[in-house]
Amino acid sequence: GGSLRLPCAASGGTSCRYDFSWYRQAPGTEREFVSSIHSF
């Protein structure tokens, strides 16, 4: 029931378009898509 906020700090990128996403993986499980944000 609680909350957390996860930051993802990016550096070193070129002047190009980037989309960002979050995935998660628990032990013994497949990596799962969580969320994404398009450059737009």
PDB file of all heavy atoms in Angstrom:
ATOM      1  N   GLY A   1       0.791  -1.214   0.000  1.00  0.00           N
ATOM      2  CA  GLY A   1       0.000   0.000   0.000  1.00  0.00           C
ATOM      3  C   GLY A   1       0.823   1.263   0.000  1.00  0.00           C
ATOM      4  O   GLY A   1       0.279   2.359  -0.210  1.00  0.00           O
ATOM      5  N   GLY A   2       2.113   1.130   0.209  1.00  0.00           N
ATOM      6  CA  GLY A   2       2.999   2.273   0.230  1.00  0.00           C
ATOM      7  C   GLY A   2       3.419   2.705  -1.160  1.00  0.00           C
ATOM      8  O   GLY A   2       2.962   2.172  -2.171  1.00  0.00           O
ATOM      9  N   SER A   3       4.327   3.671  -1.191  1.00  0.00           N
ATOM     10  CA  SER A   3       4.762   4.250  -2.457  1.00  0.00           C
ATOM     11  C   SER A   3       6.270   4.394  -2.508  1.00  0.00           C
ATOM     12  O   SER A   3       6.936   4.528  -1.487  1.00  0.00           O
ATOM     13  CB  SER A   3       4.126   5.634  -2.662  1.00  0.00           C
ATOM     14  OG  SER A   3       2.715   5.572  -2.698  1.00  0.00           O
ATOM     15  N   LEU A   4       6.788   4.368  -3.714  1.00  0.00           N
ATOM     16  CA  LEU A   4       8.180   4.651  -3.992  1.00  0.00           C
ATOM     17  C   LEU A   4       8.264   5.406  -5.303  1.00  0.00           C
ATOM     18  O   LEU A   4       7.406   5.244  -6.172  1.00  0.00           O
ATOM     19  CB  LEU A   4       9.017   3.375  -4.095  1.00  0.00           C
ATOM     20  CG  LEU A   4       9.365   2.616  -2.820  1.00  0.00           C
ATOM     21  CD1 LEU A   4      10.045   1.302  -3.175  1.00  0.00           C
ATOM     22  CD2 LEU A   4      10.264   3.460  -1.929  1.00  0.00           C
ATOM     23  N   ARG A   5       9.303   6.204  -5.443  1.00  0.00           N
ATOM     24  CA  ARG A   5       9.570   6.866  -6.699  1.00  0.00           C
ATOM     25  C   ARG A   5      10.981   6.530  -7.135  1.00  0.00           C
ATOM     26  O   ARG A   5      11.948   6.802  -6.421  1.00  0.00           O
ATOM     27  CB  ARG A   5       9.407   8.388  -6.595  1.00  0.00           C
ATOM     28  CG  ARG A   5       9.515   9.083  -7.954  1.00  0.00           C
ATOM     29  CD  ARG A   5       9.243  10.565  -7.882  1.00  0.00           C
ATOM     30  NE  ARG A   5      10.323  11.289  -7.223  1.00  0.00           N
ATOM     31  CZ  ARG A   5      10.565  12.587  -7.405  1.00  0.00           C
ATOM     32  NH1 ARG A   5       9.794  13.300  -8.229  1.00  0.00           N
ATOM     33  NH2 ARG A   5      11.547  13.170  -6.742  1.00  0.00           N
ATOM     34  N   LEU A   6      11.092   5.937  -8.304  1.00  0.00           N
ATOM     35  CA  LEU A   6      12.372   5.506  -8.826  1.00  0.00           C
ATOM     36  C   LEU A   6      12.864   6.491  -9.882  1.00  0.00           C
ATOM     37  O   LEU A   6      12.197   6.690 -10.898  1.00  0.00           O
ATOM     38  CB  LEU A   6      12.270   4.121  -9.451  1.00  0.00           C
ATOM     39  CG  LEU A   6      11.654   3.005  -8.609  1.00  0.00           C
ATOM     40  CD1 LEU A   6      11.693   1.694  -9.381  1.00  0.00           C
ATOM     41  CD2 LEU A   6      12.362   2.883  -7.275  1.00  0.00           C
ATOM     42  N   PRO A   7      14.015   7.099  -9.666  1.00  0.00           N
ATOM     43  CA  PRO A   7      14.602   7.936 -10.713  1.00  0.00           C
ATOM     44  C   PRO A   7      15.538   7.139 -11.606  1.00  0.00           C
ATOM     45  O   PRO A   7      16.184   6.191 -11.164  1.00  0.00           O
ATOM     46  CB  PRO A   7      15.378   8.992  -9.916  1.00  0.00           C
ATOM     47  CG  PRO A   7      15.847   8.242  -8.714  1.00  0.00           C
ATOM     48  CD  PRO A   7      14.769   7.211  -8.405  1.00  0.00           C
ATOM     49  N   CYS A   8      15.588   7.534 -12.844  1.00  0.00           N
ATOM     50  CA  CYS A   8      16.553   7.002 -13.794  1.00  0.00           C
ATOM     51  C   CYS A   8      17.269   8.185 -14.409  1.00  0.00           C
ATOM     52  O   CYS A   8      16.698   8.900 -15.236  1.00  0.00           O
ATOM     53  CB  CYS A   8      15.856   6.164 -14.869  1.00  0.00           C
ATOM     54  SG  CYS A   8      16.953   5.625 -16.204  1.00  0.00           S
ATOM     55  N   ALA A   9      18.493   8.395 -13.980  1.00  0.00           N
ATOM     56  CA  ALA A   9      19.285   9.524 -14.448  1.00  0.00           C
ATOM     57  C   ALA A   9      20.116   9.111 -15.649  1.00  0.00           C
ATOM     58  O   ALA A   9      20.872   8.140 -15.584  1.00  0.00           O
ATOM     59  CB  ALA A   9      20.177  10.046 -13.333  1.00  0.00           C
ATOM     60  N   ALA A  10      19.977   9.847 -16.724  1.00  0.00           N
ATOM     61  CA  ALA A  10      20.680   9.544 -17.960  1.00  0.00           C
ATOM     62  C   ALA A  10      21.777  10.566 -18.218  1.00  0.00           C
ATOM     63  O   ALA A  10      21.626  11.755 -17.933  1.00  0.00           O
ATOM     64  CB  ALA A  10      19.710   9.520 -19.139  1.00  0.00           C
ATOM     65  N   SER A  11      22.861  10.096 -18.779  1.00  0.00           N
ATOM     66  CA  SER A  11      23.964  10.974 -19.135  1.00  0.00           C
ATOM     67  C   SER A  11      24.725  10.388 -20.315  1.00  0.00           C
ATOM     68  O   SER A  11      24.643   9.192 -20.587  1.00  0.00           O
ATOM     69  CB  SER A  11      24.918  11.178 -17.956  1.00  0.00           C
ATOM     70  OG  SER A  11      25.515   9.951 -17.566  1.00  0.00           O
ATOM     71  N   GLY A  12      25.454  11.240 -21.004  1.00  0.00           N
ATOM     72  CA  GLY A  12      26.312  10.788 -22.088  1.00  0.00           C
ATOM     73  C   GLY A  12      25.624  10.538 -23.408  1.00  0.00           C
ATOM     74  O   GLY A  12      26.252  10.025 -24.331  1.00  0.00           O
ATOM     75  N   GLY A  13      24.374  10.882 -23.517  1.00  0.00           N
ATOM     76  CA  GLY A  13      23.638  10.638 -24.738  1.00  0.00           C
ATOM     77  C   GLY A  13      23.948  11.658 -25.822  1.00  0.00           C
ATOM     78  O   GLY A  13      24.404  12.766 -25.556  1.00  0.00           O
ATOM     79  N   THR A  14      23.702  11.264 -27.043  1.00  0.00           N
ATOM     80  CA  THR A  14      23.851  12.164 -28.174  1.00  0.00           C
ATOM     81  C   THR A  14      22.569  12.960 -28.353  1.00  0.00           C
ATOM     82  O   THR A  14      21.567  12.730 -27.683  1.00  0.00           O
ATOM     83  CB  THR A  14      24.163  11.390 -29.459  1.00  0.00           C
ATOM     84  OG1 THR A  14      23.098  10.468 -29.736  1.00  0.00           O
ATOM     85  CG2 THR A  14      25.462  10.620 -29.324  1.00  0.00           C
ATOM     86  N   SER A  15      22.621  13.915 -29.261  1.00  0.00           N
ATOM     87  CA  SER A  15      21.441  14.717 -29.557  1.00  0.00           C
ATOM     88  C   SER A  15      20.543  13.945 -30.509  1.00  0.00           C
ATOM     89  O   SER A  15      20.414  14.263 -31.689  1.00  0.00           O
ATOM     90  CB  SER A  15      21.851  16.059 -30.152  1.00  0.00           C
ATOM     91  OG  SER A  15      20.709  16.871 -30.395  1.00  0.00           O
ATOM     92  N   CYS A  16      19.933  12.924 -29.971  1.00  0.00           N
ATOM     93  CA  CYS A  16      19.030  12.069 -30.713  1.00  0.00           C
ATOM     94  C   CYS A  16      17.763  11.861 -29.901  1.00  0.00           C
ATOM     95  O   CYS A  16      17.674  12.292 -28.755  1.00  0.00           O
ATOM     96  CB  CYS A  16      19.681  10.716 -31.023  1.00  0.00           C
ATOM     97  SG  CYS A  16      21.206  10.812 -31.991  1.00  0.00           S
ATOM     98  N   ARG A  17      16.815  11.188 -30.485  1.00  0.00           N
ATOM     99  CA  ARG A  17      15.568  10.907 -29.798  1.00  0.00           C
ATOM    100  C   ARG A  17      15.709   9.656 -28.945  1.00  0.00           C
ATOM    101  O   ARG A  17      16.216   8.642 -29.404  1.00  0.00           O
ATOM    102  CB  ARG A  17      14.428  10.740 -30.797  1.00  0.00           C
ATOM    103  CG  ARG A  17      14.095  11.998 -31.571  1.00  0.00           C
ATOM    104  CD  ARG A  17      13.033  11.735 -32.610  1.00  0.00           C
ATOM    105  NE  ARG A  17      12.693  12.940 -33.353  1.00  0.00           N
ATOM    106  CZ  ARG A  17      11.870  12.980 -34.381  1.00  0.00           C
ATOM    107  NH1 ARG A  17      11.291  11.864 -34.807  1.00  0.00           N
ATOM    108  NH2 ARG A  17      11.636  14.130 -34.993  1.00  0.00           N
ATOM    109  N   TYR A  18      15.258   9.763 -27.722  1.00  0.00           N
ATOM    110  CA  TYR A  18      15.322   8.643 -26.798  1.00  0.00           C
ATOM    111  C   TYR A  18      13.952   8.374 -26.202  1.00  0.00           C
ATOM    112  O   TYR A  18      13.232   9.297 -25.818  1.00  0.00           O
ATOM    113  CB  TYR A  18      16.313   8.917 -25.668  1.00  0.00           C
ATOM    114  CG  TYR A  18      17.756   8.921 -26.102  1.00  0.00           C
ATOM    115  CD1 TYR A  18      18.349  10.089 -26.564  1.00  0.00           C
ATOM    116  CD2 TYR A  18      18.519   7.755 -26.044  1.00  0.00           C
ATOM    117  CE1 TYR A  18      19.675  10.093 -26.965  1.00  0.00           C
ATOM    118  CE2 TYR A  18      19.843   7.759 -26.443  1.00  0.00           C
ATOM    119  CZ  TYR A  18      20.417   8.927 -26.903  1.00  0.00           C
ATOM    120  OH  TYR A  18      21.733   8.928 -27.300  1.00  0.00           O
ATOM    121  N   ASP A  19      13.606   7.114 -26.128  1.00  0.00           N
ATOM    122  CA  ASP A  19      12.452   6.657 -25.380  1.00  0.00           C
ATOM    123  C   ASP A  19      12.960   5.915 -24.154  1.00  0.00           C
ATOM    124  O   ASP A  19      13.973   5.218 -24.215  1.00  0.00           O
ATOM    125  CB  ASP A  19      11.571   5.723 -26.210  1.00  0.00           C
ATOM    126  CG  ASP A  19      11.065   6.374 -27.477  1.00  0.00           C
ATOM    127  OD1 ASP A  19      10.927   7.611 -27.499  1.00  0.00           O
ATOM    128  OD2 ASP A  19      10.797   5.641 -28.451  1.00  0.00           O
ATOM    129  N   PHE A  20      12.258   6.056 -23.058  1.00  0.00           N
ATOM    130  CA  PHE A  20      12.666   5.413 -21.824  1.00  0.00           C
ATOM    131  C   PHE A  20      11.589   4.458 -21.346  1.00  0.00           C
ATOM    132  O   PHE A  20      10.394   4.686 -21.540  1.00  0.00           O
ATOM    133  CB  PHE A  20      12.956   6.455 -20.740  1.00  0.00           C
ATOM    134  CG  PHE A  20      14.170   7.283 -21.009  1.00  0.00           C
ATOM    135  CD1 PHE A  20      14.081   8.443 -21.767  1.00  0.00           C
ATOM    136  CD2 PHE A  20      15.404   6.904 -20.513  1.00  0.00           C
ATOM    137  CE1 PHE A  20      15.201   9.208 -22.023  1.00  0.00           C
ATOM    138  CE2 PHE A  20      16.536   7.662 -20.760  1.00  0.00           C
ATOM    139  CZ  PHE A  20      16.435   8.821 -21.522  1.00  0.00           C
ATOM    140  N   SER A  21      12.033   3.412 -20.708  1.00  0.00           N
ATOM    141  CA  SER A  21      11.097   2.434 -20.184  1.00  0.00           C
ATOM    142  C   SER A  21      11.654   1.808 -18.918  1.00  0.00           C
ATOM    143  O   SER A  21      12.852   1.887 -18.631  1.00  0.00           O
ATOM    144  CB  SER A  21      10.778   1.351 -21.222  1.00  0.00           C
ATOM    145  OG  SER A  21      11.949   0.663 -21.612  1.00  0.00           O
ATOM    146  N   TRP A  22      10.753   1.207 -18.175  1.00  0.00           N
ATOM    147  CA  TRP A  22      11.100   0.461 -16.971  1.00  0.00           C
ATOM    148  C   TRP A  22      10.681  -0.990 -17.137  1.00  0.00           C
ATOM    149  O   TRP A  22       9.588  -1.274 -17.627  1.00  0.00           O
ATOM    150  CB  TRP A  22      10.408   1.049 -15.740  1.00  0.00           C
ATOM    151  CG  TRP A  22      10.995   2.331 -15.253  1.00  0.00           C
ATOM    152  CD1 TRP A  22      10.610   3.587 -15.589  1.00  0.00           C
ATOM    153  CD2 TRP A  22      12.061   2.475 -14.311  1.00  0.00           C
ATOM    154  NE1 TRP A  22      11.372   4.514 -14.923  1.00  0.00           N
ATOM    155  CE2 TRP A  22      12.272   3.866 -14.134  1.00  0.00           C
ATOM    156  CE3 TRP A  22      12.858   1.578 -13.598  1.00  0.00           C
ATOM    157  CZ2 TRP A  22      13.249   4.366 -13.277  1.00  0.00           C
ATOM    158  CZ3 TRP A  22      13.825   2.077 -12.749  1.00  0.00           C
ATOM    159  CH2 TRP A  22      14.008   3.457 -12.602  1.00  0.00           C
ATOM    160  N   TYR A  23      11.550  -1.872 -16.717  1.00  0.00           N
ATOM    161  CA  TYR A  23      11.270  -3.289 -16.653  1.00  0.00           C
ATOM    162  C   TYR A  23      11.578  -3.772 -15.245  1.00  0.00           C
ATOM    163  O   TYR A  23      12.305  -3.120 -14.491  1.00  0.00           O
ATOM    164  CB  TYR A  23      12.115  -4.071 -17.661  1.00  0.00           C
ATOM    165  CG  TYR A  23      11.711  -3.855 -19.105  1.00  0.00           C
ATOM    166  CD1 TYR A  23      12.086  -2.705 -19.781  1.00  0.00           C
ATOM    167  CD2 TYR A  23      10.962  -4.808 -19.780  1.00  0.00           C
ATOM    168  CE1 TYR A  23      11.723  -2.503 -21.103  1.00  0.00           C
ATOM    169  CE2 TYR A  23      10.599  -4.619 -21.101  1.00  0.00           C
ATOM    170  CZ  TYR A  23      10.983  -3.465 -21.755  1.00  0.00           C
ATOM    171  OH  TYR A  23      10.619  -3.276 -23.065  1.00  0.00           O
ATOM    172  N   ARG A  24      11.040  -4.911 -14.895  1.00  0.00           N
ATOM    173  CA  ARG A  24      11.339  -5.490 -13.603  1.00  0.00           C
ATOM    174  C   ARG A  24      11.488  -6.991 -13.738  1.00  0.00           C
ATOM    175  O   ARG A  24      10.938  -7.611 -14.644  1.00  0.00           O
ATOM    176  CB  ARG A  24      10.258  -5.152 -12.576  1.00  0.00           C
ATOM    177  CG  ARG A  24       8.904  -5.794 -12.846  1.00  0.00           C
ATOM    178  CD  ARG A  24       7.871  -5.271 -11.862  1.00  0.00           C
ATOM    179  NE  ARG A  24       6.587  -5.929 -12.017  1.00  0.00           N
ATOM    180  CZ  ARG A  24       5.486  -5.578 -11.365  1.00  0.00           C
ATOM    181  NH1 ARG A  24       5.534  -4.560 -10.491  1.00  0.00           N
ATOM    182  NH2 ARG A  24       4.353  -6.233 -11.563  1.00  0.00           N
ATOM    183  N   GLN A  25      12.228  -7.557 -12.819  1.00  0.00           N
ATOM    184  CA  GLN A  25      12.450  -8.983 -12.828  1.00  0.00           C
ATOM    185  C   GLN A  25      12.630  -9.486 -11.406  1.00  0.00           C
ATOM    186  O   GLN A  25      13.517  -9.036 -10.687  1.00  0.00           O
ATOM    187  CB  GLN A  25      13.675  -9.341 -13.671  1.00  0.00           C
ATOM    188  CG  GLN A  25      13.868 -10.827 -13.871  1.00  0.00           C
ATOM    189  CD  GLN A  25      14.938 -11.126 -14.901  1.00  0.00           C
ATOM    190  OE1 GLN A  25      15.850 -10.326 -15.116  1.00  0.00           O
ATOM    191  NE2 GLN A  25      14.829 -12.263 -15.558  1.00  0.00           N
ATOM    192  N   ALA A  26      11.774 -10.404 -11.032  1.00  0.00           N
ATOM    193  CA  ALA A  26      11.881 -11.062  -9.743  1.00  0.00           C
ATOM    194  C   ALA A  26      12.701 -12.333  -9.905  1.00  0.00           C
ATOM    195  O   ALA A  26      12.787 -12.893 -11.004  1.00  0.00           O
ATOM    196  CB  ALA A  26      10.496 -11.387  -9.192  1.00  0.00           C
ATOM    197  N   PRO A  27      13.310 -12.818  -8.838  1.00  0.00           N
ATOM    198  CA  PRO A  27      14.111 -14.038  -8.936  1.00  0.00           C
ATOM    199  C   PRO A  27      13.311 -15.200  -9.512  1.00  0.00           C
ATOM    200  O   PRO A  27      12.183 -15.460  -9.093  1.00  0.00           O
ATOM    201  CB  PRO A  27      14.517 -14.310  -7.490  1.00  0.00           C
ATOM    202  CG  PRO A  27      14.519 -12.959  -6.852  1.00  0.00           C
ATOM    203  CD  PRO A  27      13.367 -12.233  -7.488  1.00  0.00           C
ATOM    204  N   GLY A  28      13.885 -15.866 -10.488  1.00  0.00           N
ATOM    205  CA  GLY A  28      13.242 -17.016 -11.092  1.00  0.00           C
ATOM    206  C   GLY A  28      12.124 -16.701 -12.058  1.00  0.00           C
ATOM    207  O   GLY A  28      11.405 -17.614 -12.472  1.00  0.00           O
ATOM    208  N   THR A  29      11.952 -15.444 -12.415  1.00  0.00           N
ATOM    209  CA  THR A  29      10.899 -15.044 -13.338  1.00  0.00           C
ATOM    210  C   THR A  29      11.482 -14.346 -14.551  1.00  0.00           C
ATOM    211  O   THR A  29      12.644 -13.947 -14.560  1.00  0.00           O
ATOM    212  CB  THR A  29       9.872 -14.121 -12.665  1.00  0.00           C
ATOM    213  OG1 THR A  29      10.487 -12.858 -12.373  1.00  0.00           O
ATOM    214  CG2 THR A  29       9.357 -14.733 -11.372  1.00  0.00           C
ATOM    215  N   GLU A  30      10.646 -14.199 -15.570  1.00  0.00           N
ATOM    216  CA  GLU A  30      11.055 -13.470 -16.757  1.00  0.00           C
ATOM    217  C   GLU A  30      11.008 -11.973 -16.501  1.00  0.00           C
ATOM    218  O   GLU A  30      10.251 -11.490 -15.659  1.00  0.00           O
ATOM    219  CB  GLU A  30      10.141 -13.813 -17.935  1.00  0.00           C
ATOM    220  CG  GLU A  30      10.198 -15.250 -18.389  1.00  0.00           C
ATOM    221  CD  GLU A  30       9.298 -15.509 -19.579  1.00  0.00           C
ATOM    222  OE1 GLU A  30       8.479 -14.630 -19.908  1.00  0.00           O
ATOM    223  OE2 GLU A  30       9.414 -16.578 -20.187  1.00  0.00           O
ATOM    224  N   ARG A  31      11.806 -11.254 -17.240  1.00  0.00           N
ATOM    225  CA  ARG A  31      11.757  -9.810 -17.157  1.00  0.00           C
ATOM    226  C   ARG A  31      10.413  -9.318 -17.693  1.00  0.00           C
ATOM    227  O   ARG A  31       9.947  -9.765 -18.747  1.00  0.00           O
ATOM    228  CB  ARG A  31      12.912  -9.190 -17.937  1.00  0.00           C
ATOM    229  CG  ARG A  31      12.950  -7.671 -17.883  1.00  0.00           C
ATOM    230  CD  ARG A  31      14.277  -7.131 -18.374  1.00  0.00           C
ATOM    231  NE  ARG A  31      15.362  -7.471 -17.470  1.00  0.00           N
ATOM    232  CZ  ARG A  31      16.613  -7.040 -17.606  1.00  0.00           C
ATOM    233  NH1 ARG A  31      16.934  -6.260 -18.624  1.00  0.00           N
ATOM    234  NH2 ARG A  31      17.541  -7.400 -16.738  1.00  0.00           N
ATOM    235  N   GLU A  32       9.813  -8.389 -16.979  1.00  0.00           N
ATOM    236  CA  GLU A  32       8.470  -7.924 -17.278  1.00  0.00           C
ATOM    237  C   GLU A  32       8.473  -6.434 -17.601  1.00  0.00           C
ATOM    238  O   GLU A  32       9.100  -5.635 -16.900  1.00  0.00           O
ATOM    239  CB  GLU A  32       7.540  -8.198 -16.091  1.00  0.00           C
ATOM    240  CG  GLU A  32       6.119  -7.683 -16.255  1.00  0.00           C
ATOM    241  CD  GLU A  32       5.309  -7.801 -14.978  1.00  0.00           C
ATOM    242  OE1 GLU A  32       5.918  -7.907 -13.897  1.00  0.00           O
ATOM    243  OE2 GLU A  32       4.063  -7.803 -15.071  1.00  0.00           O
ATOM    244  N   PHE A  33       7.743  -6.079 -18.633  1.00  0.00           N
ATOM    245  CA  PHE A  33       7.579  -4.670 -18.977  1.00  0.00           C
ATOM    246  C   PHE A  33       6.725  -3.976 -17.934  1.00  0.00           C
ATOM    247  O   PHE A  33       5.676  -4.481 -17.535  1.00  0.00           O
ATOM    248  CB  PHE A  33       6.936  -4.530 -20.355  1.00  0.00           C
ATOM    249  CG  PHE A  33       6.531  -3.123 -20.682  1.00  0.00           C
ATOM    250  CD1 PHE A  33       7.464  -2.187 -21.092  1.00  0.00           C
ATOM    251  CD2 PHE A  33       5.204  -2.729 -20.581  1.00  0.00           C
ATOM    252  CE1 PHE A  33       7.095  -0.884 -21.398  1.00  0.00           C
ATOM    253  CE2 PHE A  33       4.824  -1.435 -20.882  1.00  0.00           C
ATOM    254  CZ  PHE A  33       5.779  -0.515 -21.288  1.00  0.00           C
ATOM    255  N   VAL A  34       7.152  -2.805 -17.504  1.00  0.00           N
ATOM    256  CA  VAL A  34       6.434  -2.042 -16.492  1.00  0.00           C
ATOM    257  C   VAL A  34       5.810  -0.790 -17.093  1.00  0.00           C
ATOM    258  O   VAL A  34       4.603  -0.570 -16.977  1.00  0.00           O
ATOM    259  CB  VAL A  34       7.358  -1.649 -15.323  1.00  0.00           C
ATOM    260  CG1 VAL A  34       6.616  -0.753 -14.331  1.00  0.00           C
ATOM    261  CG2 VAL A  34       7.890  -2.894 -14.629  1.00  0.00           C
ATOM    262  N   SER A  35       6.636   0.035 -17.728  1.00  0.00           N
ATOM    263  CA  SER A  35       6.139   1.296 -18.244  1.00  0.00           C
ATOM    264  C   SER A  35       7.130   1.871 -19.241  1.00  0.00           C
ATOM    265  O   SER A  35       8.300   1.509 -19.244  1.00  0.00           O
ATOM    266  CB  SER A  35       5.903   2.295 -17.100  1.00  0.00           C
ATOM    267  OG  SER A  35       5.355   3.503 -17.574  1.00  0.00           O
ATOM    268  N   SER A  36       6.662   2.768 -20.079  1.00  0.00           N
ATOM    269  CA  SER A  36       7.527   3.452 -21.028  1.00  0.00           C
ATOM    270  C   SER A  36       7.001   4.850 -21.285  1.00  0.00           C
ATOM    271  O   SER A  36       5.819   5.131 -21.096  1.00  0.00           O
ATOM    272  CB  SER A  36       7.636   2.672 -22.342  1.00  0.00           C
ATOM    273  OG  SER A  36       6.390   2.601 -23.001  1.00  0.00           O
ATOM    274  N   ILE A  37       7.900   5.696 -21.720  1.00  0.00           N
ATOM    275  CA  ILE A  37       7.526   7.052 -22.109  1.00  0.00           C
ATOM    276  C   ILE A  37       8.242   7.380 -23.409  1.00  0.00           C
ATOM    277  O   ILE A  37       9.456   7.246 -23.527  1.00  0.00           O
ATOM    278  CB  ILE A  37       7.843   8.077 -20.998  1.00  0.00           C
ATOM    279  CG1 ILE A  37       7.366   9.472 -21.412  1.00  0.00           C
ATOM    280  CG2 ILE A  37       9.324   8.081 -20.637  1.00  0.00           C
ATOM    281  CD1 ILE A  37       7.339  10.458 -20.255  1.00  0.00           C
ATOM    282  N   HIS A  38       7.467   7.793 -24.398  1.00  0.00           N
ATOM    283  CA  HIS A  38       7.991   8.129 -25.704  1.00  0.00           C
ATOM    284  C   HIS A  38       8.622   9.513 -25.667  1.00  0.00           C
ATOM    285  O   HIS A  38       8.307  10.332 -24.795  1.00  0.00           O
ATOM    286  CB  HIS A  38       6.847   8.082 -26.732  1.00  0.00           C
ATOM    287  CG  HIS A  38       7.279   8.115 -28.153  1.00  0.00           C
ATOM    288  ND1 HIS A  38       7.430   9.290 -28.862  1.00  0.00           N
ATOM    289  CD2 HIS A  38       7.603   7.122 -29.019  1.00  0.00           C
ATOM    290  CE1 HIS A  38       7.824   9.020 -30.093  1.00  0.00           C
ATOM    291  NE2 HIS A  38       7.927   7.712 -30.205  1.00  0.00           N
ATOM    292  N   SER A  39       9.495   9.772 -26.613  1.00  0.00           N
ATOM    293  CA  SER A  39      10.136  11.080 -26.677  1.00  0.00           C
ATOM    294  C   SER A  39       9.130  12.205 -26.865  1.00  0.00           C
ATOM    295  O   SER A  39       9.396  13.348 -26.496  1.00  0.00           O
ATOM    296  CB  SER A  39      11.177  11.115 -27.795  1.00  0.00           C
ATOM    297  OG  SER A  39      10.585  10.854 -29.055  1.00  0.00           O
ATOM    298  N   PHE A  40       7.976  11.866 -27.428  1.00  0.00           N
ATOM    299  CA  PHE A  40       6.916  12.852 -27.609  1.00  0.00           C
ATOM    300  C   PHE A  40       6.003  12.962 -26.399  1.00  0.00           C
ATOM    301  O   PHE A  40       5.084  13.775 -26.394  1.00  0.00           O
ATOM    302  CB  PHE A  40       6.086  12.534 -28.854  1.00  0.00           C
ATOM    303  CG  PHE A  40       6.866  12.600 -30.133  1.00  0.00           C
ATOM    304  CD1 PHE A  40       6.640  11.677 -31.139  1.00  0.00           C
ATOM    305  CD2 PHE A  40       7.814  13.589 -30.336  1.00  0.00           C
ATOM    306  CE1 PHE A  40       7.349  11.737 -32.326  1.00  0.00           C
ATOM    307  CE2 PHE A  40       8.546  13.657 -31.511  1.00  0.00           C
ATOM    308  CZ  PHE A  40       8.305  12.722 -32.514  1.00  0.00           C
TER     309      PHE A  40
END
